[in-house]
PDB file of N, CA and C in Angstrom:
ATOM      1  N   MET A   1     -32.042  52.103   0.033  1.00  0.00           N
ATOM      2  CA  MET A   1     -32.541  52.789   1.199  1.00  0.00           C
ATOM      3  C   MET A   1     -34.028  53.026   0.995  1.00  0.00           C
ATOM      4  N   PHE A   2     -34.733  53.098   2.099  1.00  0.00           N
ATOM      5  CA  PHE A   2     -36.165  53.265   1.951  1.00  0.00           C
ATOM      6  C   PHE A   2     -36.774  54.030   3.111  1.00  0.00           C
ATOM      7  N   ASP A   3     -37.948  54.571   2.857  1.00  0.00           N
ATOM      8  CA  ASP A   3     -38.784  55.206   3.865  1.00  0.00           C
ATOM      9  C   ASP A   3     -40.214  54.792   3.526  1.00  0.00           C
ATOM     10  N   ILE A   4     -40.573  53.601   3.967  1.00  0.00           N
ATOM     11  CA  ILE A   4     -41.861  53.005   3.638  1.00  0.00           C
ATOM     12  C   ILE A   4     -42.864  53.379   4.725  1.00  0.00           C
ATOM     13  N   PRO A   5     -43.961  54.047   4.355  1.00  0.00           N
ATOM     14  CA  PRO A   5     -44.947  54.503   5.338  1.00  0.00           C
ATOM     15  C   PRO A   5     -45.557  53.353   6.152  1.00  0.00           C
ATOM     16  N   GLU A   6     -46.039  53.709   7.322  1.00  0.00           N
ATOM     17  CA  GLU A   6     -46.617  52.726   8.244  1.00  0.00           C
ATOM     18  C   GLU A   6     -47.774  51.955   7.609  1.00  0.00           C
ATOM     19  N   GLN A   7     -48.512  52.590   6.723  1.00  0.00           N
ATOM     20  CA  GLN A   7     -49.647  51.898   6.106  1.00  0.00           C
ATOM     21  C   GLN A   7     -49.179  50.739   5.211  1.00  0.00           C
ATOM     22  N   TYR A   8     -47.900  50.702   4.867  1.00  0.00           N
ATOM     23  CA  TYR A   8     -47.311  49.617   4.080  1.00  0.00           C
ATOM     24  C   TYR A   8     -46.401  48.737   4.955  1.00  0.00           C
ATOM     25  N   LYS A   9     -46.695  48.673   6.231  1.00  0.00           N
ATOM     26  CA  LYS A   9     -45.839  47.970   7.189  1.00  0.00           C
ATOM     27  C   LYS A   9     -45.587  46.521   6.781  1.00  0.00           C
ATOM     28  N   GLN A  10     -46.623  45.805   6.374  1.00  0.00           N
ATOM     29  CA  GLN A  10     -46.451  44.398   6.007  1.00  0.00           C
ATOM     30  C   GLN A  10     -45.513  44.262   4.806  1.00  0.00           C
ATOM     31  N   ALA A  11     -45.667  45.137   3.831  1.00  0.00           N
ATOM     32  CA  ALA A  11     -44.771  45.118   2.667  1.00  0.00           C
ATOM     33  C   ALA A  11     -43.340  45.412   3.095  1.00  0.00           C
ATOM     34  N   ARG A  12     -43.162  46.345   4.029  1.00  0.00           N
ATOM     35  CA  ARG A  12     -41.824  46.684   4.534  1.00  0.00           C
ATOM     36  C   ARG A  12     -41.184  45.477   5.215  1.00  0.00           C
ATOM     37  N   ILE A  13     -41.962  44.762   6.009  1.00  0.00           N
ATOM     38  CA  ILE A  13     -41.453  43.580   6.713  1.00  0.00           C
ATOM     39  C   ILE A  13     -41.015  42.514   5.720  1.00  0.00           C
ATOM     40  N   VAL A  14     -41.858  42.248   4.743  1.00  0.00           N
ATOM     41  CA  VAL A  14     -41.543  41.220   3.748  1.00  0.00           C
ATOM     42  C   VAL A  14     -40.349  41.650   2.884  1.00  0.00           C
ATOM     43  N   PHE A  15     -40.302  42.916   2.528  1.00  0.00           N
ATOM     44  CA  PHE A  15     -39.204  43.439   1.718  1.00  0.00           C
ATOM     45  C   PHE A  15     -37.871  43.282   2.445  1.00  0.00           C
ATOM     46  N   THR A  16     -37.811  43.683   3.698  1.00  0.00           N
ATOM     47  CA  THR A  16     -36.548  43.570   4.430  1.00  0.00           C
ATOM     48  C   THR A  16     -36.172  42.103   4.663  1.00  0.00           C
ATOM     49  N   LYS A  17     -37.140  41.266   4.859  1.00  0.00           N
ATOM     50  CA  LYS A  17     -36.864  39.824   5.007  1.00  0.00           C
ATOM     51  C   LYS A  17     -36.239  39.286   3.721  1.00  0.00           C
ATOM     52  N   LYS A  18     -36.767  39.703   2.597  1.00  0.00           N
ATOM     53  CA  LYS A  18     -36.230  39.264   1.311  1.00  0.00           C
ATOM     54  C   LYS A  18     -34.817  39.788   1.100  1.00  0.00           C
ATOM     55  N   LEU A  19     -34.562  41.034   1.483  1.00  0.00           N
ATOM     56  CA  LEU A  19     -33.208  41.571   1.368  1.00  0.00           C
ATOM     57  C   LEU A  19     -32.219  40.730   2.171  1.00  0.00           C
ATOM     58  N   LYS A  20     -32.605  40.350   3.386  1.00  0.00           N
ATOM     59  CA  LYS A  20     -31.748  39.487   4.210  1.00  0.00           C
ATOM     60  C   LYS A  20     -31.484  38.162   3.512  1.00  0.00           C
ATOM     61  N   GLU A  21     -32.541  37.560   2.978  1.00  0.00           N
ATOM     62  CA  GLU A  21     -32.406  36.279   2.276  1.00  0.00           C
ATOM     63  C   GLU A  21     -31.457  36.387   1.087  1.00  0.00           C
ATOM     64  N   LEU A  22     -31.434  37.536   0.442  1.00  0.00           N
ATOM     65  CA  LEU A  22     -30.587  37.755  -0.726  1.00  0.00           C
ATOM     66  C   LEU A  22     -29.149  38.128  -0.355  1.00  0.00           C
ATOM     67  N   GLY A  23     -28.858  38.234   0.940  1.00  0.00           N
ATOM     68  CA  GLY A  23     -27.497  38.510   1.378  1.00  0.00           C
ATOM     69  C   GLY A  23     -27.172  39.968   1.617  1.00  0.00           C
ATOM     70  N   PHE A  24     -28.173  40.833   1.592  1.00  0.00           N
ATOM     71  CA  PHE A  24     -27.945  42.237   1.919  1.00  0.00           C
ATOM     72  C   PHE A  24     -27.622  42.363   3.407  1.00  0.00           C
ATOM     73  N   MET A  25     -26.901  43.408   3.746  1.00  0.00           N
ATOM     74  CA  MET A  25     -26.563  43.695   5.135  1.00  0.00           C
ATOM     75  C   MET A  25     -27.217  45.017   5.528  1.00  0.00           C
ATOM     76  N   GLN A  26     -27.813  45.036   6.708  1.00  0.00           N
ATOM     77  CA  GLN A  26     -28.413  46.276   7.188  1.00  0.00           C
ATOM     78  C   GLN A  26     -27.293  47.202   7.658  1.00  0.00           C
ATOM     79  N   PHE A  27     -27.170  48.348   7.002  1.00  0.00           N
ATOM     80  CA  PHE A  27     -26.109  49.305   7.299  1.00  0.00           C
ATOM     81  C   PHE A  27     -26.591  50.350   8.289  1.00  0.00           C
ATOM     82  N   GLN A  28     -27.815  50.782   8.122  1.00  0.00           N
ATOM     83  CA  GLN A  28     -28.528  51.630   9.063  1.00  0.00           C
ATOM     84  C   GLN A  28     -29.960  51.137   9.058  1.00  0.00           C
ATOM     85  N   LYS A  29     -30.817  51.748   9.853  1.00  0.00           N
ATOM     86  CA  LYS A  29     -32.177  51.227  10.006  1.00  0.00           C
ATOM     87  C   LYS A  29     -32.880  50.958   8.672  1.00  0.00           C
ATOM     88  N   SER A  30     -32.844  51.894   7.762  1.00  0.00           N
ATOM     89  CA  SER A  30     -33.521  51.722   6.477  1.00  0.00           C
ATOM     90  C   SER A  30     -32.547  51.766   5.305  1.00  0.00           C
ATOM     91  N   VAL A  31     -31.296  51.432   5.584  1.00  0.00           N
ATOM     92  CA  VAL A  31     -30.273  51.400   4.543  1.00  0.00           C
ATOM     93  C   VAL A  31     -29.663  50.010   4.509  1.00  0.00           C
ATOM     94  N   TRP A  32     -29.777  49.374   3.369  1.00  0.00           N
ATOM     95  CA  TRP A  32     -29.267  48.017   3.185  1.00  0.00           C
ATOM     96  C   TRP A  32     -28.219  48.046   2.086  1.00  0.00           C
ATOM     97  N   ILE A  33     -27.171  47.244   2.229  1.00  0.00           N
ATOM     98  CA  ILE A  33     -26.101  47.260   1.243  1.00  0.00           C
ATOM     99  C   ILE A  33     -25.797  45.850   0.751  1.00  0.00           C
ATOM    100  N   CYS A  34     -25.247  45.817  -0.449  1.00  0.00           N
ATOM    101  CA  CYS A  34     -24.860  44.569  -1.097  1.00  0.00           C
ATOM    102  C   CYS A  34     -23.693  44.890  -2.019  1.00  0.00           C
ATOM    103  N   PRO A  35     -22.639  44.077  -2.023  1.00  0.00           N
ATOM    104  CA  PRO A  35     -21.479  44.393  -2.857  1.00  0.00           C
ATOM    105  C   PRO A  35     -21.616  43.922  -4.309  1.00  0.00           C
ATOM    106  N   TYR A  36     -22.744  43.354  -4.660  1.00  0.00           N
ATOM    107  CA  TYR A  36     -22.938  42.795  -5.995  1.00  0.00           C
ATOM    108  C   TYR A  36     -23.979  43.602  -6.767  1.00  0.00           C
ATOM    109  N   PRO A  37     -23.970  43.505  -8.091  1.00  0.00           N
ATOM    110  CA  PRO A  37     -25.021  44.178  -8.869  1.00  0.00           C
ATOM    111  C   PRO A  37     -26.398  43.686  -8.412  1.00  0.00           C
ATOM    112  N   CYS A  38     -27.283  44.609  -8.113  1.00  0.00           N
ATOM    113  CA  CYS A  38     -28.580  44.206  -7.562  1.00  0.00           C
ATOM    114  C   CYS A  38     -29.736  45.064  -8.065  1.00  0.00           C
ATOM    115  N   SER A  39     -29.467  45.930  -9.024  1.00  0.00           N
ATOM    116  CA  SER A  39     -30.496  46.853  -9.501  1.00  0.00           C
ATOM    117  C   SER A  39     -31.740  46.123  -9.995  1.00  0.00           C
ATOM    118  N   GLU A  40     -31.548  45.075 -10.772  1.00  0.00           N
ATOM    119  CA  GLU A  40     -32.698  44.367 -11.343  1.00  0.00           C
ATOM    120  C   GLU A  40     -33.564  43.727 -10.273  1.00  0.00           C
ATOM    121  N   ILE A  41     -32.954  43.078  -9.303  1.00  0.00           N
ATOM    122  CA  ILE A  41     -33.752  42.415  -8.258  1.00  0.00           C
ATOM    123  C   ILE A  41     -34.445  43.441  -7.384  1.00  0.00           C
ATOM    124  N   VAL A  42     -33.770  44.541  -7.062  1.00  0.00           N
ATOM    125  CA  VAL A  42     -34.400  45.581  -6.236  1.00  0.00           C
ATOM    126  C   VAL A  42     -35.584  46.182  -6.986  1.00  0.00           C
ATOM    127  N   GLU A  43     -35.409  46.453  -8.263  1.00  0.00           N
ATOM    128  CA  GLU A  43     -36.518  46.993  -9.058  1.00  0.00           C
ATOM    129  C   GLU A  43     -37.690  46.018  -9.099  1.00  0.00           C
ATOM    130  N   ALA A  44     -37.398  44.743  -9.239  1.00  0.00           N
ATOM    131  CA  ALA A  44     -38.460  43.733  -9.254  1.00  0.00           C
ATOM    132  C   ALA A  44     -39.193  43.689  -7.916  1.00  0.00           C
ATOM    133  N   LEU A  45     -38.460  43.714  -6.820  1.00  0.00           N
ATOM    134  CA  LEU A  45     -39.076  43.679  -5.487  1.00  0.00           C
ATOM    135  C   LEU A  45     -39.937  44.913  -5.244  1.00  0.00           C
ATOM    136  N   LYS A  46     -39.468  46.067  -5.694  1.00  0.00           N
ATOM    137  CA  LYS A  46     -40.253  47.292  -5.536  1.00  0.00           C
ATOM    138  C   LYS A  46     -41.613  47.146  -6.220  1.00  0.00           C
ATOM    139  N   GLY A  47     -41.627  46.518  -7.375  1.00  0.00           N
ATOM    140  CA  GLY A  47     -42.881  46.302  -8.086  1.00  0.00           C
ATOM    141  C   GLY A  47     -43.748  45.245  -7.431  1.00  0.00           C
ATOM    142  N   ILE A  48     -43.146  44.141  -7.052  1.00  0.00           N
ATOM    143  CA  ILE A  48     -43.892  43.037  -6.429  1.00  0.00           C
ATOM    144  C   ILE A  48     -44.597  43.495  -5.163  1.00  0.00           C
ATOM    145  N   TYR A  49     -43.884  44.234  -4.318  1.00  0.00           N
ATOM    146  CA  TYR A  49     -44.443  44.657  -3.029  1.00  0.00           C
ATOM    147  C   TYR A  49     -45.130  46.017  -3.090  1.00  0.00           C
ATOM    148  N   GLU A  50     -45.201  46.598  -4.295  1.00  0.00           N
ATOM    149  CA  GLU A  50     -45.887  47.874  -4.523  1.00  0.00           C
ATOM    150  C   GLU A  50     -45.369  48.998  -3.620  1.00  0.00           C
ATOM    151  N   ILE A  51     -44.040  49.105  -3.570  1.00  0.00           N
ATOM    152  CA  ILE A  51     -43.388  50.117  -2.719  1.00  0.00           C
ATOM    153  C   ILE A  51     -42.431  50.988  -3.538  1.00  0.00           C
ATOM    154  N   ARG A  52     -42.595  50.975  -4.827  1.00  0.00           N
ATOM    155  CA  ARG A  52     -41.693  51.693  -5.734  1.00  0.00           C
ATOM    156  C   ARG A  52     -41.401  53.143  -5.317  1.00  0.00           C
ATOM    157  N   PRO A  53     -42.401  53.944  -4.941  1.00  0.00           N
ATOM    158  CA  PRO A  53     -42.108  55.350  -4.611  1.00  0.00           C
ATOM    159  C   PRO A  53     -41.288  55.541  -3.331  1.00  0.00           C
ATOM    160  N   PHE A  54     -41.177  54.500  -2.526  1.00  0.00           N
ATOM    161  CA  PHE A  54     -40.565  54.634  -1.202  1.00  0.00           C
ATOM    162  C   PHE A  54     -39.157  54.052  -1.105  1.00  0.00           C
ATOM    163  N   VAL A  55     -38.672  53.458  -2.179  1.00  0.00           N
ATOM    164  CA  VAL A  55     -37.367  52.792  -2.168  1.00  0.00           C
ATOM    165  C   VAL A  55     -36.452  53.483  -3.170  1.00  0.00           C
ATOM    166  N   LYS A  56     -35.269  53.838  -2.720  1.00  0.00           N
ATOM    167  CA  LYS A  56     -34.268  54.480  -3.575  1.00  0.00           C
ATOM    168  C   LYS A  56     -33.045  53.581  -3.660  1.00  0.00           C
ATOM    169  N   LEU A  57     -32.446  53.513  -4.828  1.00  0.00           N
ATOM    170  CA  LEU A  57     -31.264  52.695  -5.054  1.00  0.00           C
ATOM    171  C   LEU A  57     -30.094  53.609  -5.383  1.00  0.00           C
ATOM    172  N   ALA A  58     -28.962  53.410  -4.712  1.00  0.00           N
ATOM    173  CA  ALA A  58     -27.760  54.202  -4.970  1.00  0.00           C
ATOM    174  C   ALA A  58     -26.599  53.257  -5.245  1.00  0.00           C
ATOM    175  N   LEU A  59     -25.786  53.626  -6.204  1.00  0.00           N
ATOM    176  CA  LEU A  59     -24.562  52.886  -6.491  1.00  0.00           C
ATOM    177  C   LEU A  59     -23.418  53.688  -5.898  1.00  0.00           C
ATOM    178  N   VAL A  60     -22.652  53.082  -5.014  1.00  0.00           N
ATOM    179  CA  VAL A  60     -21.635  53.782  -4.237  1.00  0.00           C
ATOM    180  C   VAL A  60     -20.255  53.233  -4.563  1.00  0.00           C
ATOM    181  N   ASP A  61     -19.307  54.125  -4.814  1.00  0.00           N
ATOM    182  CA  ASP A  61     -17.936  53.712  -5.111  1.00  0.00           C
ATOM    183  C   ASP A  61     -17.062  53.608  -3.873  1.00  0.00           C
ATOM    184  N   ASN A  62     -17.386  54.385  -2.844  1.00  0.00           N
ATOM    185  CA  ASN A  62     -16.551  54.431  -1.651  1.00  0.00           C
ATOM    186  C   ASN A  62     -17.470  54.589  -0.445  1.00  0.00           C
ATOM    187  N   ILE A  63     -17.094  53.956   0.679  1.00  0.00           N
ATOM    188  CA  ILE A  63     -17.931  54.020   1.873  1.00  0.00           C
ATOM    189  C   ILE A  63     -17.066  53.861   3.115  1.00  0.00           C
ATOM    190  N   ASP A  64     -17.422  54.551   4.183  1.00  0.00           N
ATOM    191  CA  ASP A  64     -16.716  54.379   5.455  1.00  0.00           C
ATOM    192  C   ASP A  64     -16.878  52.937   5.927  1.00  0.00           C
ATOM    193  N   ARG A  65     -15.979  52.519   6.779  1.00  0.00           N
ATOM    194  CA  ARG A  65     -16.014  51.167   7.334  1.00  0.00           C
ATOM    195  C   ARG A  65     -15.780  50.108   6.254  1.00  0.00           C
ATOM    196  N   GLU A  66     -15.066  50.497   5.214  1.00  0.00           N
ATOM    197  CA  GLU A  66     -14.855  49.600   4.087  1.00  0.00           C
ATOM    198  C   GLU A  66     -14.216  48.271   4.508  1.00  0.00           C
ATOM    199  N   LYS A  67     -13.234  48.313   5.393  1.00  0.00           N
ATOM    200  CA  LYS A  67     -12.567  47.076   5.821  1.00  0.00           C
ATOM    201  C   LYS A  67     -13.542  46.136   6.530  1.00  0.00           C
ATOM    202  N   TYR A  68     -14.404  46.693   7.366  1.00  0.00           N
ATOM    203  CA  TYR A  68     -15.409  45.892   8.058  1.00  0.00           C
ATOM    204  C   TYR A  68     -16.356  45.237   7.050  1.00  0.00           C
ATOM    205  N   LEU A  69     -16.762  46.000   6.059  1.00  0.00           N
ATOM    206  CA  LEU A  69     -17.698  45.480   5.061  1.00  0.00           C
ATOM    207  C   LEU A  69     -17.050  44.404   4.206  1.00  0.00           C
ATOM    208  N   ILE A  70     -15.811  44.604   3.829  1.00  0.00           N
ATOM    209  CA  ILE A  70     -15.083  43.578   3.056  1.00  0.00           C
ATOM    210  C   ILE A  70     -15.016  42.296   3.874  1.00  0.00           C
ATOM    211  N   LYS A  71     -14.700  42.426   5.148  1.00  0.00           N
ATOM    212  CA  LYS A  71     -14.632  41.248   6.005  1.00  0.00           C
ATOM    213  C   LYS A  71     -15.999  40.569   6.111  1.00  0.00           C
ATOM    214  N   HIS A  72     -17.047  41.352   6.254  1.00  0.00           N
ATOM    215  CA  HIS A  72     -18.404  40.793   6.381  1.00  0.00           C
ATOM    216  C   HIS A  72     -18.817  40.022   5.128  1.00  0.00           C
ATOM    217  N   PHE A  73     -18.583  40.608   3.967  1.00  0.00           N
ATOM    218  CA  PHE A  73     -19.076  40.007   2.734  1.00  0.00           C
ATOM    219  C   PHE A  73     -18.136  38.963   2.115  1.00  0.00           C
ATOM    220  N   PHE A  74     -16.841  39.062   2.373  1.00  0.00           N
ATOM    221  CA  PHE A  74     -15.912  38.224   1.625  1.00  0.00           C
ATOM    222  C   PHE A  74     -15.056  37.280   2.476  1.00  0.00           C
ATOM    223  N   GLN A  75     -15.305  37.205   3.770  1.00  0.00           N
ATOM    224  CA  GLN A  75     -14.526  36.258   4.579  1.00  0.00           C
ATOM    225  C   GLN A  75     -15.418  35.366   5.374  1.00  0.00           C
TER     226      GLN A  75
END
């Protein structure tokens, strides 16, 4: 999840484009999810695009709409 300030708009655009390319799904406007281990790539992207302070990573065990997400990622 992220809250990237407007002054970093270009970095935000490129970051979200990269998340899409990597198979992440937009769950809410600034919340992206992936069912696979992704900590290393997210940390690398935060450094590359210089947005480290604005991006937070959470590991979640349970989430609403689980059946929809399973269908999206695995079928």
